[in-house]
Amino acid sequence: MKILKNQSGSIKPIISIIVVVVALYAGFTFAMPQYRYYTFNSDAKEIARLGLDVPKTTALVMEKITDMNIPVKKEDIKVAINEKRVVNIKTQWKETVNFWGIYEHTFTFKVDITE
């Protein structure tokens, strides 16, 4: 049993390392959908500022969605341009995060940008 224990005879450091690794994994797992949402929101604002027509704006938004592996279909993207050339981009999606089969959470993300 000496192999599992450190010199002071405790396995506390090993348990601490396991807890830290599990916490880091959980943080990464739950942070990735949020990261994709904030990154996409920023990219969509940039696309809206370009002031292109509806088909080009939709194509650029769809390209970003595909690059970021966001589960949105092309028909779920709503792009509108009013007479003052104000661009509005709307879409939404859900992502489910599963933490080793113990805990599952579904995030709902909504994007509504007017530039």
PDB file of N, CA and C in Angstrom:
ATOM      1  N   MET A   1       0.810  -1.191   0.000  1.00  0.00           N
ATOM      2  CA  MET A   1       0.000   0.000   0.000  1.00  0.00           C
ATOM      3  C   MET A   1       0.856   1.258   0.000  1.00  0.00           C
ATOM      4  N   LYS A   2       2.150   1.123   0.231  1.00  0.00           N
ATOM      5  CA  LYS A   2       3.049   2.265   0.230  1.00  0.00           C
ATOM      6  C   LYS A   2       3.096   2.960  -1.125  1.00  0.00           C
ATOM      7  N   ILE A   3       2.763   2.250  -2.207  1.00  0.00           N
ATOM      8  CA  ILE A   3       2.837   2.820  -3.546  1.00  0.00           C
ATOM      9  C   ILE A   3       1.809   3.939  -3.721  1.00  0.00           C
ATOM     10  N   LEU A   4       0.612   3.781  -3.165  1.00  0.00           N
ATOM     11  CA  LEU A   4      -0.441   4.771  -3.316  1.00  0.00           C
ATOM     12  C   LEU A   4      -0.284   5.965  -2.384  1.00  0.00           C
ATOM     13  N   LYS A   5       0.569   5.871  -1.400  1.00  0.00           N
ATOM     14  CA  LYS A   5       0.709   6.930  -0.410  1.00  0.00           C
ATOM     15  C   LYS A   5       1.983   7.724  -0.662  1.00  0.00           C
ATOM     16  N   ASN A   6       1.926   9.021  -0.321  1.00  0.00           N
ATOM     17  CA  ASN A   6       3.150   9.800  -0.409  1.00  0.00           C
ATOM     18  C   ASN A   6       3.972   9.571   0.858  1.00  0.00           C
ATOM     19  N   GLN A   7       5.048  10.291   1.048  1.00  0.00           N
ATOM     20  CA  GLN A   7       5.951  10.026   2.166  1.00  0.00           C
ATOM     21  C   GLN A   7       5.290  10.226   3.524  1.00  0.00           C
ATOM     22  N   SER A   8       4.304  11.091   3.588  1.00  0.00           N
ATOM     23  CA  SER A   8       3.642  11.306   4.879  1.00  0.00           C
ATOM     24  C   SER A   8       2.513  10.312   5.101  1.00  0.00           C
ATOM     25  N   GLY A   9       2.272   9.429   4.148  1.00  0.00           N
ATOM     26  CA  GLY A   9       1.272   8.389   4.308  1.00  0.00           C
ATOM     27  C   GLY A   9      -0.141   8.824   3.973  1.00  0.00           C
ATOM     28  N   SER A  10      -0.309   9.810   3.129  1.00  0.00           N
ATOM     29  CA  SER A  10      -1.642  10.326   2.814  1.00  0.00           C
ATOM     30  C   SER A  10      -1.897  10.262   1.309  1.00  0.00           C
ATOM     31  N   ILE A  11      -3.126  10.042   0.928  1.00  0.00           N
ATOM     32  CA  ILE A  11      -3.482  10.069  -0.500  1.00  0.00           C
ATOM     33  C   ILE A  11      -4.226  11.362  -0.842  1.00  0.00           C
ATOM     34  N   LYS A  12      -4.188  12.314   0.067  1.00  0.00           N
ATOM     35  CA  LYS A  12      -4.864  13.595  -0.122  1.00  0.00           C
ATOM     36  C   LYS A  12      -4.422  14.318  -1.409  1.00  0.00           C
ATOM     37  N   PRO A  13      -3.133  14.373  -1.730  1.00  0.00           N
ATOM     38  CA  PRO A  13      -2.723  15.049  -2.973  1.00  0.00           C
ATOM     39  C   PRO A  13      -3.298  14.385  -4.231  1.00  0.00           C
ATOM     40  N   ILE A  14      -3.409  13.080  -4.227  1.00  0.00           N
ATOM     41  CA  ILE A  14      -3.958  12.377  -5.394  1.00  0.00           C
ATOM     42  C   ILE A  14      -5.430  12.717  -5.567  1.00  0.00           C
ATOM     43  N   ILE A  15      -6.166  12.718  -4.468  1.00  0.00           N
ATOM     44  CA  ILE A  15      -7.589  13.073  -4.539  1.00  0.00           C
ATOM     45  C   ILE A  15      -7.747  14.522  -4.976  1.00  0.00           C
ATOM     46  N   SER A  16      -6.888  15.403  -4.495  1.00  0.00           N
ATOM     47  CA  SER A  16      -6.939  16.813  -4.894  1.00  0.00           C
ATOM     48  C   SER A  16      -6.708  16.967  -6.391  1.00  0.00           C
ATOM     49  N   ILE A  17      -5.765  16.235  -6.933  1.00  0.00           N
ATOM     50  CA  ILE A  17      -5.485  16.293  -8.371  1.00  0.00           C
ATOM     51  C   ILE A  17      -6.682  15.790  -9.164  1.00  0.00           C
ATOM     52  N   ILE A  18      -7.301  14.717  -8.720  1.00  0.00           N
ATOM     53  CA  ILE A  18      -8.482  14.183  -9.410  1.00  0.00           C
ATOM     54  C   ILE A  18      -9.616  15.202  -9.394  1.00  0.00           C
ATOM     55  N   VAL A  19      -9.833  15.849  -8.258  1.00  0.00           N
ATOM     56  CA  VAL A  19     -10.891  16.864  -8.151  1.00  0.00           C
ATOM     57  C   VAL A  19     -10.609  18.036  -9.091  1.00  0.00           C
ATOM     58  N   VAL A  20      -9.369  18.471  -9.162  1.00  0.00           N
ATOM     59  CA  VAL A  20      -9.005  19.581 -10.050  1.00  0.00           C
ATOM     60  C   VAL A  20      -9.222  19.195 -11.512  1.00  0.00           C
ATOM     61  N   VAL A  21      -8.829  17.990 -11.899  1.00  0.00           N
ATOM     62  CA  VAL A  21      -9.006  17.537 -13.282  1.00  0.00           C
ATOM     63  C   VAL A  21     -10.489  17.462 -13.639  1.00  0.00           C
ATOM     64  N   VAL A  22     -11.307  16.934 -12.754  1.00  0.00           N
ATOM     65  CA  VAL A  22     -12.750  16.850 -13.007  1.00  0.00           C
ATOM     66  C   VAL A  22     -13.352  18.247 -13.114  1.00  0.00           C
ATOM     67  N   ALA A  23     -12.930  19.161 -12.256  1.00  0.00           N
ATOM     68  CA  ALA A  23     -13.438  20.536 -12.304  1.00  0.00           C
ATOM     69  C   ALA A  23     -13.043  21.226 -13.610  1.00  0.00           C
ATOM     70  N   LEU A  24     -11.817  21.025 -14.059  1.00  0.00           N
ATOM     71  CA  LEU A  24     -11.376  21.613 -15.325  1.00  0.00           C
ATOM     72  C   LEU A  24     -12.164  21.050 -16.504  1.00  0.00           C
ATOM     73  N   TYR A  25     -12.388  19.751 -16.503  1.00  0.00           N
ATOM     74  CA  TYR A  25     -13.168  19.129 -17.575  1.00  0.00           C
ATOM     75  C   TYR A  25     -14.597  19.670 -17.587  1.00  0.00           C
ATOM     76  N   ALA A  26     -15.214  19.775 -16.424  1.00  0.00           N
ATOM     77  CA  ALA A  26     -16.582  20.301 -16.342  1.00  0.00           C
ATOM     78  C   ALA A  26     -16.624  21.748 -16.813  1.00  0.00           C
ATOM     79  N   GLY A  27     -15.653  22.538 -16.407  1.00  0.00           N
ATOM     80  CA  GLY A  27     -15.598  23.930 -16.841  1.00  0.00           C
ATOM     81  C   GLY A  27     -15.466  24.053 -18.344  1.00  0.00           C
ATOM     82  N   PHE A  28     -14.596  23.256 -18.925  1.00  0.00           N
ATOM     83  CA  PHE A  28     -14.408  23.279 -20.376  1.00  0.00           C
ATOM     84  C   PHE A  28     -15.678  22.835 -21.094  1.00  0.00           C
ATOM     85  N   THR A  29     -16.298  21.763 -20.607  1.00  0.00           N
ATOM     86  CA  THR A  29     -17.494  21.215 -21.242  1.00  0.00           C
ATOM     87  C   THR A  29     -18.637  22.222 -21.246  1.00  0.00           C
ATOM     88  N   PHE A  30     -18.835  22.915 -20.141  1.00  0.00           N
ATOM     89  CA  PHE A  30     -19.944  23.856 -20.046  1.00  0.00           C
ATOM     90  C   PHE A  30     -19.602  25.230 -20.619  1.00  0.00           C
ATOM     91  N   ALA A  31     -18.330  25.553 -20.773  1.00  0.00           N
ATOM     92  CA  ALA A  31     -17.938  26.859 -21.298  1.00  0.00           C
ATOM     93  C   ALA A  31     -17.941  26.915 -22.820  1.00  0.00           C
ATOM     94  N   MET A  32     -17.725  25.800 -23.489  1.00  0.00           N
ATOM     95  CA  MET A  32     -17.630  25.822 -24.955  1.00  0.00           C
ATOM     96  C   MET A  32     -18.898  26.331 -25.647  1.00  0.00           C
ATOM     97  N   PRO A  33     -20.105  25.905 -25.273  1.00  0.00           N
ATOM     98  CA  PRO A  33     -21.292  26.482 -25.918  1.00  0.00           C
ATOM     99  C   PRO A  33     -21.407  27.992 -25.685  1.00  0.00           C
ATOM    100  N   GLN A  34     -21.065  28.450 -24.486  1.00  0.00           N
ATOM    101  CA  GLN A  34     -21.106  29.886 -24.196  1.00  0.00           C
ATOM    102  C   GLN A  34     -20.079  30.630 -25.050  1.00  0.00           C
ATOM    103  N   TYR A  35     -18.904  30.062 -25.195  1.00  0.00           N
ATOM    104  CA  TYR A  35     -17.863  30.669 -26.019  1.00  0.00           C
ATOM    105  C   TYR A  35     -18.330  30.794 -27.471  1.00  0.00           C
ATOM    106  N   ARG A  36     -18.926  29.715 -28.007  1.00  0.00           N
ATOM    107  CA  ARG A  36     -19.431  29.762 -29.380  1.00  0.00           C
ATOM    108  C   ARG A  36     -20.506  30.835 -29.537  1.00  0.00           C
ATOM    109  N   TYR A  37     -21.380  30.958 -28.539  1.00  0.00           N
ATOM    110  CA  TYR A  37     -22.444  31.962 -28.596  1.00  0.00           C
ATOM    111  C   TYR A  37     -21.858  33.373 -28.640  1.00  0.00           C
ATOM    112  N   TYR A  38     -20.958  33.694 -27.725  1.00  0.00           N
ATOM    113  CA  TYR A  38     -20.393  35.041 -27.683  1.00  0.00           C
ATOM    114  C   TYR A  38     -19.550  35.338 -28.920  1.00  0.00           C
ATOM    115  N   THR A  39     -18.826  34.366 -29.404  1.00  0.00           N
ATOM    116  CA  THR A  39     -18.033  34.564 -30.617  1.00  0.00           C
ATOM    117  C   THR A  39     -18.934  34.776 -31.822  1.00  0.00           C
ATOM    118  N   PHE A  40     -19.977  33.958 -31.948  1.00  0.00           N
ATOM    119  CA  PHE A  40     -20.905  34.123 -33.066  1.00  0.00           C
ATOM    120  C   PHE A  40     -21.619  35.464 -32.982  1.00  0.00           C
ATOM    121  N   ASN A  41     -22.020  35.876 -31.795  1.00  0.00           N
ATOM    122  CA  ASN A  41     -22.697  37.157 -31.624  1.00  0.00           C
ATOM    123  C   ASN A  41     -21.802  38.298 -32.111  1.00  0.00           C
ATOM    124  N   SER A  42     -20.535  38.252 -31.762  1.00  0.00           N
ATOM    125  CA  SER A  42     -19.581  39.265 -32.198  1.00  0.00           C
ATOM    126  C   SER A  42     -19.399  39.238 -33.715  1.00  0.00           C
ATOM    127  N   ASP A  43     -19.260  38.041 -34.278  1.00  0.00           N
ATOM    128  CA  ASP A  43     -19.094  37.917 -35.728  1.00  0.00           C
ATOM    129  C   ASP A  43     -20.340  38.385 -36.476  1.00  0.00           C
ATOM    130  N   ALA A  44     -21.518  38.095 -35.937  1.00  0.00           N
ATOM    131  CA  ALA A  44     -22.761  38.518 -36.584  1.00  0.00           C
ATOM    132  C   ALA A  44     -22.883  40.043 -36.572  1.00  0.00           C
ATOM    133  N   LYS A  45     -22.417  40.694 -35.510  1.00  0.00           N
ATOM    134  CA  LYS A  45     -22.423  42.164 -35.474  1.00  0.00           C
ATOM    135  C   LYS A  45     -21.525  42.729 -36.566  1.00  0.00           C
ATOM    136  N   GLU A  46     -20.367  42.111 -36.738  1.00  0.00           N
ATOM    137  CA  GLU A  46     -19.453  42.550 -37.797  1.00  0.00           C
ATOM    138  C   GLU A  46     -20.094  42.387 -39.176  1.00  0.00           C
ATOM    139  N   ILE A  47     -20.768  41.275 -39.384  1.00  0.00           N
ATOM    140  CA  ILE A  47     -21.434  41.032 -40.667  1.00  0.00           C
ATOM    141  C   ILE A  47     -22.544  42.052 -40.883  1.00  0.00           C
ATOM    142  N   ALA A  48     -23.298  42.360 -39.837  1.00  0.00           N
ATOM    143  CA  ALA A  48     -24.386  43.336 -39.959  1.00  0.00           C
ATOM    144  C   ALA A  48     -23.846  44.721 -40.294  1.00  0.00           C
ATOM    145  N   ARG A  49     -22.693  45.066 -39.773  1.00  0.00           N
ATOM    146  CA  ARG A  49     -22.095  46.381 -40.049  1.00  0.00           C
ATOM    147  C   ARG A  49     -21.665  46.534 -41.507  1.00  0.00           C
ATOM    148  N   LEU A  50     -21.458  45.419 -42.193  1.00  0.00           N
ATOM    149  CA  LEU A  50     -21.063  45.493 -43.600  1.00  0.00           C
ATOM    150  C   LEU A  50     -22.168  46.090 -44.463  1.00  0.00           C
ATOM    151  N   GLY A  51     -23.421  45.912 -44.068  1.00  0.00           N
ATOM    152  CA  GLY A  51     -24.545  46.503 -44.793  1.00  0.00           C
ATOM    153  C   GLY A  51     -24.786  45.890 -46.158  1.00  0.00           C
ATOM    154  N   LEU A  52     -24.531  44.605 -46.308  1.00  0.00           N
ATOM    155  CA  LEU A  52     -24.761  43.929 -47.583  1.00  0.00           C
ATOM    156  C   LEU A  52     -26.244  43.621 -47.752  1.00  0.00           C
ATOM    157  N   ASP A  53     -26.609  43.096 -48.921  1.00  0.00           N
ATOM    158  CA  ASP A  53     -28.007  42.721 -49.138  1.00  0.00           C
ATOM    159  C   ASP A  53     -28.336  41.427 -48.383  1.00  0.00           C
ATOM    160  N   VAL A  54     -29.616  41.068 -48.376  1.00  0.00           N
ATOM    161  CA  VAL A  54     -30.094  39.934 -47.575  1.00  0.00           C
ATOM    162  C   VAL A  54     -29.427  38.609 -47.959  1.00  0.00           C
ATOM    163  N   PRO A  55     -29.357  38.235 -49.252  1.00  0.00           N
ATOM    164  CA  PRO A  55     -28.730  36.941 -49.577  1.00  0.00           C
ATOM    165  C   PRO A  55     -27.250  36.859 -49.180  1.00  0.00           C
ATOM    166  N   LYS A  56     -26.504  37.939 -49.394  1.00  0.00           N
ATOM    167  CA  LYS A  56     -25.078  37.927 -49.045  1.00  0.00           C
ATOM    168  C   LYS A  56     -24.887  37.877 -47.526  1.00  0.00           C
ATOM    169  N   THR A  57     -25.708  38.631 -46.808  1.00  0.00           N
ATOM    170  CA  THR A  57     -25.625  38.617 -45.346  1.00  0.00           C
ATOM    171  C   THR A  57     -25.969  37.237 -44.803  1.00  0.00           C
ATOM    172  N   THR A  58     -27.024  36.636 -45.339  1.00  0.00           N
ATOM    173  CA  THR A  58     -27.418  35.292 -44.912  1.00  0.00           C
ATOM    174  C   THR A  58     -26.308  34.286 -45.204  1.00  0.00           C
ATOM    175  N   ALA A  59     -25.688  34.399 -46.362  1.00  0.00           N
ATOM    176  CA  ALA A  59     -24.600  33.479 -46.723  1.00  0.00           C
ATOM    177  C   ALA A  59     -23.408  33.628 -45.775  1.00  0.00           C
ATOM    178  N   LEU A  60     -23.057  34.869 -45.439  1.00  0.00           N
ATOM    179  CA  LEU A  60     -21.939  35.086 -44.513  1.00  0.00           C
ATOM    180  C   LEU A  60     -22.256  34.557 -43.113  1.00  0.00           C
ATOM    181  N   VAL A  61     -23.487  34.774 -42.664  1.00  0.00           N
ATOM    182  CA  VAL A  61     -23.890  34.263 -41.349  1.00  0.00           C
ATOM    183  C   VAL A  61     -23.851  32.739 -41.356  1.00  0.00           C
ATOM    184  N   MET A  62     -24.362  32.132 -42.417  1.00  0.00           N
ATOM    185  CA  MET A  62     -24.368  30.670 -42.514  1.00  0.00           C
ATOM    186  C   MET A  62     -22.944  30.117 -42.557  1.00  0.00           C
ATOM    187  N   GLU A  63     -22.047  30.831 -43.205  1.00  0.00           N
ATOM    188  CA  GLU A  63     -20.643  30.411 -43.254  1.00  0.00           C
ATOM    189  C   GLU A  63     -20.033  30.406 -41.849  1.00  0.00           C
ATOM    190  N   LYS A  64     -20.311  31.447 -41.069  1.00  0.00           N
ATOM    191  CA  LYS A  64     -19.812  31.499 -39.687  1.00  0.00           C
ATOM    192  C   LYS A  64     -20.402  30.367 -38.852  1.00  0.00           C
ATOM    193  N   ILE A  65     -21.695  30.112 -39.028  1.00  0.00           N
ATOM    194  CA  ILE A  65     -22.364  29.047 -38.282  1.00  0.00           C
ATOM    195  C   ILE A  65     -21.736  27.694 -38.606  1.00  0.00           C
ATOM    196  N   THR A  66     -21.460  27.465 -39.876  1.00  0.00           N
ATOM    197  CA  THR A  66     -20.845  26.204 -40.296  1.00  0.00           C
ATOM    198  C   THR A  66     -19.429  26.076 -39.733  1.00  0.00           C
ATOM    199  N   ASP A  67     -18.659  27.155 -39.794  1.00  0.00           N
ATOM    200  CA  ASP A  67     -17.286  27.135 -39.277  1.00  0.00           C
ATOM    201  C   ASP A  67     -17.236  26.837 -37.780  1.00  0.00           C
ATOM    202  N   MET A  68     -18.237  27.317 -37.043  1.00  0.00           N
ATOM    203  CA  MET A  68     -18.240  27.176 -35.586  1.00  0.00           C
ATOM    204  C   MET A  68     -19.015  25.948 -35.106  1.00  0.00           C
ATOM    205  N   ASN A  69     -19.531  25.155 -36.044  1.00  0.00           N
ATOM    206  CA  ASN A  69     -20.309  23.947 -35.706  1.00  0.00           C
ATOM    207  C   ASN A  69     -21.505  24.253 -34.809  1.00  0.00           C
ATOM    208  N   ILE A  70     -22.221  25.304 -35.148  1.00  0.00           N
ATOM    209  CA  ILE A  70     -23.427  25.676 -34.409  1.00  0.00           C
ATOM    210  C   ILE A  70     -24.608  25.010 -35.100  1.00  0.00           C
ATOM    211  N   PRO A  71     -25.489  24.349 -34.338  1.00  0.00           N
ATOM    212  CA  PRO A  71     -26.605  23.607 -34.948  1.00  0.00           C
ATOM    213  C   PRO A  71     -27.771  24.498 -35.379  1.00  0.00           C
ATOM    214  N   VAL A  72     -27.575  25.258 -36.462  1.00  0.00           N
ATOM    215  CA  VAL A  72     -28.621  26.123 -37.011  1.00  0.00           C
ATOM    216  C   VAL A  72     -28.759  25.826 -38.493  1.00  0.00           C
ATOM    217  N   LYS A  73     -29.999  25.712 -38.956  1.00  0.00           N
ATOM    218  CA  LYS A  73     -30.263  25.506 -40.380  1.00  0.00           C
ATOM    219  C   LYS A  73     -30.423  26.860 -41.057  1.00  0.00           C
ATOM    220  N   LYS A  74     -30.214  26.879 -42.360  1.00  0.00           N
ATOM    221  CA  LYS A  74     -30.287  28.133 -43.104  1.00  0.00           C
ATOM    222  C   LYS A  74     -31.662  28.780 -42.981  1.00  0.00           C
ATOM    223  N   GLU A  75     -32.716  27.971 -42.952  1.00  0.00           N
ATOM    224  CA  GLU A  75     -34.066  28.537 -42.860  1.00  0.00           C
ATOM    225  C   GLU A  75     -34.366  29.123 -41.476  1.00  0.00           C
ATOM    226  N   ASP A  76     -33.512  28.863 -40.489  1.00  0.00           N
ATOM    227  CA  ASP A  76     -33.699  29.430 -39.149  1.00  0.00           C
ATOM    228  C   ASP A  76     -33.021  30.787 -38.981  1.00  0.00           C
ATOM    229  N   ILE A  77     -32.353  31.255 -40.020  1.00  0.00           N
ATOM    230  CA  ILE A  77     -31.686  32.557 -39.978  1.00  0.00           C
ATOM    231  C   ILE A  77     -32.611  33.585 -40.620  1.00  0.00           C
ATOM    232  N   LYS A  78     -32.930  34.626 -39.872  1.00  0.00           N
ATOM    233  CA  LYS A  78     -33.793  35.697 -40.380  1.00  0.00           C
ATOM    234  C   LYS A  78     -32.956  36.962 -40.521  1.00  0.00           C
ATOM    235  N   VAL A  79     -32.878  37.464 -41.746  1.00  0.00           N
ATOM    236  CA  VAL A  79     -32.144  38.701 -42.013  1.00  0.00           C
ATOM    237  C   VAL A  79     -33.117  39.686 -42.636  1.00  0.00           C
ATOM    238  N   ALA A  80     -33.162  40.894 -42.083  1.00  0.00           N
ATOM    239  CA  ALA A  80     -34.039  41.940 -42.611  1.00  0.00           C
ATOM    240  C   ALA A  80     -33.251  43.238 -42.704  1.00  0.00           C
ATOM    241  N   ILE A  81     -33.531  43.985 -43.765  1.00  0.00           N
ATOM    242  CA  ILE A  81     -32.904  45.294 -43.950  1.00  0.00           C
ATOM    243  C   ILE A  81     -34.026  46.294 -44.191  1.00  0.00           C
ATOM    244  N   ASN A  82     -34.084  47.349 -43.375  1.00  0.00           N
ATOM    245  CA  ASN A  82     -35.149  48.337 -43.561  1.00  0.00           C
ATOM    246  C   ASN A  82     -34.710  49.432 -44.531  1.00  0.00           C
ATOM    247  N   GLU A  83     -35.580  50.417 -44.716  1.00  0.00           N
ATOM    248  CA  GLU A  83     -35.305  51.474 -45.700  1.00  0.00           C
ATOM    249  C   GLU A  83     -34.120  52.350 -45.306  1.00  0.00           C
ATOM    250  N   LYS A  84     -33.746  52.377 -44.045  1.00  0.00           N
ATOM    251  CA  LYS A  84     -32.590  53.155 -43.596  1.00  0.00           C
ATOM    252  C   LYS A  84     -31.299  52.333 -43.620  1.00  0.00           C
ATOM    253  N   ARG A  85     -31.346  51.158 -44.240  1.00  0.00           N
ATOM    254  CA  ARG A  85     -30.206  50.242 -44.365  1.00  0.00           C
ATOM    255  C   ARG A  85     -29.753  49.693 -43.006  1.00  0.00           C
ATOM    256  N   VAL A  86     -30.684  49.596 -42.073  1.00  0.00           N
ATOM    257  CA  VAL A  86     -30.397  48.982 -40.778  1.00  0.00           C
ATOM    258  C   VAL A  86     -30.611  47.479 -40.924  1.00  0.00           C
ATOM    259  N   VAL A  87     -29.573  46.720 -40.600  1.00  0.00           N
ATOM    260  CA  VAL A  87     -29.609  45.267 -40.766  1.00  0.00           C
ATOM    261  C   VAL A  87     -30.003  44.615 -39.438  1.00  0.00           C
ATOM    262  N   ASN A  88     -30.938  43.672 -39.521  1.00  0.00           N
ATOM    263  CA  ASN A  88     -31.364  42.904 -38.352  1.00  0.00           C
ATOM    264  C   ASN A  88     -31.129  41.424 -38.639  1.00  0.00           C
ATOM    265  N   ILE A  89     -30.391  40.770 -37.752  1.00  0.00           N
ATOM    266  CA  ILE A  89     -30.100  39.338 -37.878  1.00  0.00           C
ATOM    267  C   ILE A  89     -30.664  38.640 -36.645  1.00  0.00           C
ATOM    268  N   LYS A  90     -31.492  37.620 -36.888  1.00  0.00           N
ATOM    269  CA  LYS A  90     -32.080  36.844 -35.791  1.00  0.00           C
ATOM    270  C   LYS A  90     -31.893  35.358 -36.060  1.00  0.00           C
ATOM    271  N   THR A  91     -31.566  34.643 -35.009  1.00  0.00           N
ATOM    272  CA  THR A  91     -31.530  33.184 -35.051  1.00  0.00           C
ATOM    273  C   THR A  91     -31.504  32.664 -33.620  1.00  0.00           C
ATOM    274  N   GLN A  92     -31.743  31.398 -33.472  1.00  0.00           N
ATOM    275  CA  GLN A  92     -31.642  30.770 -32.152  1.00  0.00           C
ATOM    276  C   GLN A  92     -31.334  29.294 -32.317  1.00  0.00           C
ATOM    277  N   TRP A  93     -30.776  28.707 -31.263  1.00  0.00           N
ATOM    278  CA  TRP A  93     -30.467  27.282 -31.274  1.00  0.00           C
ATOM    279  C   TRP A  93     -30.347  26.774 -29.843  1.00  0.00           C
ATOM    280  N   LYS A  94     -30.348  25.459 -29.740  1.00  0.00           N
ATOM    281  CA  LYS A  94     -30.188  24.800 -28.446  1.00  0.00           C
ATOM    282  C   LYS A  94     -29.001  23.852 -28.524  1.00  0.00           C
ATOM    283  N   GLU A  95     -28.247  23.810 -27.449  1.00  0.00           N
ATOM    284  CA  GLU A  95     -27.135  22.866 -27.331  1.00  0.00           C
ATOM    285  C   GLU A  95     -27.255  22.144 -25.998  1.00  0.00           C
ATOM    286  N   THR A  96     -27.124  20.831 -26.050  1.00  0.00           N
ATOM    287  CA  THR A  96     -27.196  20.024 -24.840  1.00  0.00           C
ATOM    288  C   THR A  96     -25.800  19.560 -24.459  1.00  0.00           C
ATOM    289  N   VAL A  97     -25.447  19.797 -23.210  1.00  0.00           N
ATOM    290  CA  VAL A  97     -24.149  19.394 -22.677  1.00  0.00           C
ATOM    291  C   VAL A  97     -24.382  18.237 -21.717  1.00  0.00           C
ATOM    292  N   ASN A  98     -23.629  17.160 -21.926  1.00  0.00           N
ATOM    293  CA  ASN A  98     -23.755  15.972 -21.094  1.00  0.00           C
ATOM    294  C   ASN A  98     -22.446  15.778 -20.335  1.00  0.00           C
ATOM    295  N   PHE A  99     -22.530  15.775 -19.022  1.00  0.00           N
ATOM    296  CA  PHE A  99     -21.349  15.601 -18.182  1.00  0.00           C
ATOM    297  C   PHE A  99     -21.273  14.162 -17.721  1.00  0.00           C
ATOM    298  N   TRP A 100     -20.617  13.321 -18.489  1.00  0.00           N
ATOM    299  CA  TRP A 100     -20.367  11.906 -18.202  1.00  0.00           C
ATOM    300  C   TRP A 100     -21.630  11.126 -17.863  1.00  0.00           C
ATOM    301  N   GLY A 101     -22.755  11.520 -18.407  1.00  0.00           N
ATOM    302  CA  GLY A 101     -24.004  10.820 -18.146  1.00  0.00           C
ATOM    303  C   GLY A 101     -24.596  11.088 -16.775  1.00  0.00           C
ATOM    304  N   ILE A 102     -23.921  11.889 -15.986  1.00  0.00           N
ATOM    305  CA  ILE A 102     -24.395  12.195 -14.630  1.00  0.00           C
ATOM    306  C   ILE A 102     -25.330  13.399 -14.648  1.00  0.00           C
ATOM    307  N   TYR A 103     -24.964  14.411 -15.425  1.00  0.00           N
ATOM    308  CA  TYR A 103     -25.719  15.656 -15.459  1.00  0.00           C
ATOM    309  C   TYR A 103     -25.840  16.109 -16.903  1.00  0.00           C
ATOM    310  N   GLU A 104     -27.021  16.547 -17.279  1.00  0.00           N
ATOM    311  CA  GLU A 104     -27.267  17.032 -18.635  1.00  0.00           C
ATOM    312  C   GLU A 104     -27.981  18.377 -18.545  1.00  0.00           C
ATOM    313  N   HIS A 105     -27.516  19.333 -19.344  1.00  0.00           N
ATOM    314  CA  HIS A 105     -28.117  20.663 -19.345  1.00  0.00           C
ATOM    315  C   HIS A 105     -28.276  21.133 -20.787  1.00  0.00           C
ATOM    316  N   THR A 106     -29.417  21.741 -21.082  1.00  0.00           N
ATOM    317  CA  THR A 106     -29.671  22.278 -22.412  1.00  0.00           C
ATOM    318  C   THR A 106     -29.617  23.797 -22.349  1.00  0.00           C
ATOM    319  N   PHE A 107     -28.731  24.367 -23.154  1.00  0.00           N
ATOM    320  CA  PHE A 107     -28.620  25.818 -23.269  1.00  0.00           C
ATOM    321  C   PHE A 107     -29.460  26.270 -24.459  1.00  0.00           C
ATOM    322  N   THR A 108     -30.180  27.374 -24.313  1.00  0.00           N
ATOM    323  CA  THR A 108     -30.917  27.982 -25.416  1.00  0.00           C
ATOM    324  C   THR A 108     -30.271  29.333 -25.695  1.00  0.00           C
ATOM    325  N   PHE A 109     -29.801  29.505 -26.923  1.00  0.00           N
ATOM    326  CA  PHE A 109     -29.132  30.741 -27.307  1.00  0.00           C
ATOM    327  C   PHE A 109     -29.985  31.485 -28.324  1.00  0.00           C
ATOM    328  N   LYS A 110     -30.155  32.785 -28.111  1.00  0.00           N
ATOM    329  CA  LYS A 110     -30.910  33.628 -29.035  1.00  0.00           C
ATOM    330  C   LYS A 110     -30.028  34.789 -29.457  1.00  0.00           C
ATOM    331  N   VAL A 111     -30.017  35.033 -30.755  1.00  0.00           N
ATOM    332  CA  VAL A 111     -29.251  36.145 -31.304  1.00  0.00           C
ATOM    333  C   VAL A 111     -30.235  37.083 -31.989  1.00  0.00           C
ATOM    334  N   ASP A 112     -30.206  38.344 -31.607  1.00  0.00           N
ATOM    335  CA  ASP A 112     -31.047  39.375 -32.216  1.00  0.00           C
ATOM    336  C   ASP A 112     -30.201  40.636 -32.300  1.00  0.00           C
ATOM    337  N   ILE A 113     -29.638  40.866 -33.481  1.00  0.00           N
ATOM    338  CA  ILE A 113     -28.687  41.958 -33.675  1.00  0.00           C
ATOM    339  C   ILE A 113     -29.272  42.982 -34.637  1.00  0.00           C
ATOM    340  N   THR A 114     -29.172  44.233 -34.265  1.00  0.00           N
ATOM    341  CA  THR A 114     -29.582  45.324 -35.147  1.00  0.00           C
ATOM    342  C   THR A 114     -28.416  46.296 -35.234  1.00  0.00           C
ATOM    343  N   GLU A 115     -27.906  46.481 -36.419  1.00  0.00           N
ATOM    344  CA  GLU A 115     -26.783  47.405 -36.653  1.00  0.00           C
ATOM    345  C   GLU A 115     -27.113  48.314 -37.815  1.00  0.00           C
TER     346      GLU A 115
END
